[in-house]
């Protein structure tokens, strides 16, 4: 079953997608422009009873181009949640 992904940020230097996980939290995929490279992160957003949510980085990579970063995100979207 394919998960529904929602793009929640779309800026020239930052993009973020989210989907709900089976435990009621959210998985995030982030691509951020940094000097000379793109940081790509797969993370789990964790909601507590109070305060701001925390997150746990599942995986992160650095790529020389935006397109390579997007390909990594597409790969993650096709893999089971962690």
C-alpha atoms as a PDB file:
ATOM      1  CA  UNK A   1       0.000   0.000   0.000  1.00  0.00           C
ATOM      2  CA  UNK A   2       1.411   3.367  -0.996  1.00  0.00           C
ATOM      3  CA  UNK A   3       1.581   6.079   1.643  1.00  0.00           C
ATOM      4  CA  UNK A   4       0.287   9.581   0.998  1.00  0.00           C
ATOM      5  CA  UNK A   5       3.101  12.131   1.082  1.00  0.00           C
ATOM      6  CA  UNK A   6       2.389  15.821   1.639  1.00  0.00           C
ATOM      7  CA  UNK A   7       4.876  18.535   0.705  1.00  0.00           C
ATOM      8  CA  UNK A   8       4.845  20.874   3.704  1.00  0.00           C
ATOM      9  CA  UNK A   9       7.723  23.243   2.823  1.00  0.00           C
ATOM     10  CA  UNK A  10       8.834  24.386  -0.613  1.00  0.00           C
ATOM     11  CA  UNK A  11      11.509  27.073  -0.658  1.00  0.00           C
ATOM     12  CA  UNK A  12      14.461  27.472  -3.055  1.00  0.00           C
ATOM     13  CA  UNK A  13      16.850  26.275  -0.320  1.00  0.00           C
ATOM     14  CA  UNK A  14      14.602  23.878   1.636  1.00  0.00           C
ATOM     15  CA  UNK A  15      11.922  21.278   0.839  1.00  0.00           C
ATOM     16  CA  UNK A  16      10.128  18.935   3.226  1.00  0.00           C
ATOM     17  CA  UNK A  17       7.634  16.084   2.810  1.00  0.00           C
ATOM     18  CA  UNK A  18       5.715  14.213   5.533  1.00  0.00           C
ATOM     19  CA  UNK A  19       3.564  11.120   5.929  1.00  0.00           C
ATOM     20  CA  UNK A  20       1.893   9.496   8.921  1.00  0.00           C
ATOM     21  CA  UNK A  21       3.550   6.352  10.284  1.00  0.00           C
ATOM     22  CA  UNK A  22       1.803   3.278  11.655  1.00  0.00           C
ATOM     23  CA  UNK A  23       2.500   4.419  15.242  1.00  0.00           C
ATOM     24  CA  UNK A  24       0.740   7.776  14.720  1.00  0.00           C
ATOM     25  CA  UNK A  25       3.903   9.849  14.373  1.00  0.00           C
ATOM     26  CA  UNK A  26       5.247  11.254  11.105  1.00  0.00           C
ATOM     27  CA  UNK A  27       8.156  10.454   8.828  1.00  0.00           C
ATOM     28  CA  UNK A  28       9.885  13.465   7.270  1.00  0.00           C
ATOM     29  CA  UNK A  29      12.059  13.736   4.177  1.00  0.00           C
ATOM     30  CA  UNK A  30      14.084  16.942   3.951  1.00  0.00           C
ATOM     31  CA  UNK A  31      16.403  18.387   1.321  1.00  0.00           C
ATOM     32  CA  UNK A  32      18.374  21.497   2.258  1.00  0.00           C
ATOM     33  CA  UNK A  33      20.821  23.528   0.170  1.00  0.00           C
ATOM     34  CA  UNK A  34      24.161  24.010   1.883  1.00  0.00           C
ATOM     35  CA  UNK A  35      27.364  25.554   0.497  1.00  0.00           C
ATOM     36  CA  UNK A  36      28.472  23.271  -2.345  1.00  0.00           C
ATOM     37  CA  UNK A  37      26.084  20.395  -1.570  1.00  0.00           C
ATOM     38  CA  UNK A  38      22.588  19.274  -0.581  1.00  0.00           C
ATOM     39  CA  UNK A  39      21.804  17.670   2.775  1.00  0.00           C
ATOM     40  CA  UNK A  40      19.096  15.006   2.509  1.00  0.00           C
ATOM     41  CA  UNK A  41      17.527  13.652   5.723  1.00  0.00           C
ATOM     42  CA  UNK A  42      15.003  10.940   6.555  1.00  0.00           C
ATOM     43  CA  UNK A  43      13.670  11.498  10.080  1.00  0.00           C
ATOM     44  CA  UNK A  44      10.865  10.437  12.387  1.00  0.00           C
ATOM     45  CA  UNK A  45       8.915  13.259  14.030  1.00  0.00           C
ATOM     46  CA  UNK A  46       7.956  12.310  17.576  1.00  0.00           C
ATOM     47  CA  UNK A  47       5.037  14.002  19.323  1.00  0.00           C
ATOM     48  CA  UNK A  48       5.037  14.140  23.116  1.00  0.00           C
ATOM     49  CA  UNK A  49       2.283  15.106  25.494  1.00  0.00           C
ATOM     50  CA  UNK A  50       3.621  18.651  25.895  1.00  0.00           C
ATOM     51  CA  UNK A  51       5.980  21.008  24.118  1.00  0.00           C
ATOM     52  CA  UNK A  52       7.384  20.927  20.636  1.00  0.00           C
ATOM     53  CA  UNK A  53       7.847  17.614  18.842  1.00  0.00           C
ATOM     54  CA  UNK A  54      11.276  16.038  18.700  1.00  0.00           C
ATOM     55  CA  UNK A  55      12.763  14.037  15.888  1.00  0.00           C
ATOM     56  CA  UNK A  56      15.066  11.094  15.343  1.00  0.00           C
ATOM     57  CA  UNK A  57      17.302  11.049  12.265  1.00  0.00           C
ATOM     58  CA  UNK A  58      16.931   7.701  10.522  1.00  0.00           C
ATOM     59  CA  UNK A  59      19.326   8.371   7.655  1.00  0.00           C
ATOM     60  CA  UNK A  60      21.170  11.311   6.124  1.00  0.00           C
ATOM     61  CA  UNK A  61      23.281  11.838   3.006  1.00  0.00           C
ATOM     62  CA  UNK A  62      25.021  14.680   1.187  1.00  0.00           C
ATOM     63  CA  UNK A  63      24.833  15.054  -2.591  1.00  0.00           C
ATOM     64  CA  UNK A  64      26.440  17.463  -5.070  1.00  0.00           C
ATOM     65  CA  UNK A  65      23.139  18.154  -6.861  1.00  0.00           C
ATOM     66  CA  UNK A  66      19.469  18.752  -6.054  1.00  0.00           C
ATOM     67  CA  UNK A  67      18.421  16.045  -8.546  1.00  0.00           C
ATOM     68  CA  UNK A  68      20.536  13.403  -6.785  1.00  0.00           C
ATOM     69  CA  UNK A  69      18.975  14.403  -3.471  1.00  0.00           C
ATOM     70  CA  UNK A  70      15.476  14.108  -4.920  1.00  0.00           C
ATOM     71  CA  UNK A  71      16.297  10.632  -6.274  1.00  0.00           C
ATOM     72  CA  UNK A  72      17.297   9.557  -2.760  1.00  0.00           C
ATOM     73  CA  UNK A  73      14.020  10.892  -1.360  1.00  0.00           C
ATOM     74  CA  UNK A  74      12.038   8.991  -4.015  1.00  0.00           C
ATOM     75  CA  UNK A  75      13.912   5.819  -2.991  1.00  0.00           C
ATOM     76  CA  UNK A  76      12.947   6.379   0.645  1.00  0.00           C
ATOM     77  CA  UNK A  77       9.304   6.956  -0.289  1.00  0.00           C
ATOM     78  CA  UNK A  78       9.273   3.483  -1.859  1.00  0.00           C
ATOM     79  CA  UNK A  79      10.751   1.724   1.201  1.00  0.00           C
ATOM     80  CA  UNK A  80       8.966   0.603   4.373  1.00  0.00           C
ATOM     81  CA  UNK A  81       8.996   2.919   7.385  1.00  0.00           C
ATOM     82  CA  UNK A  82      11.684   2.449  10.019  1.00  0.00           C
END
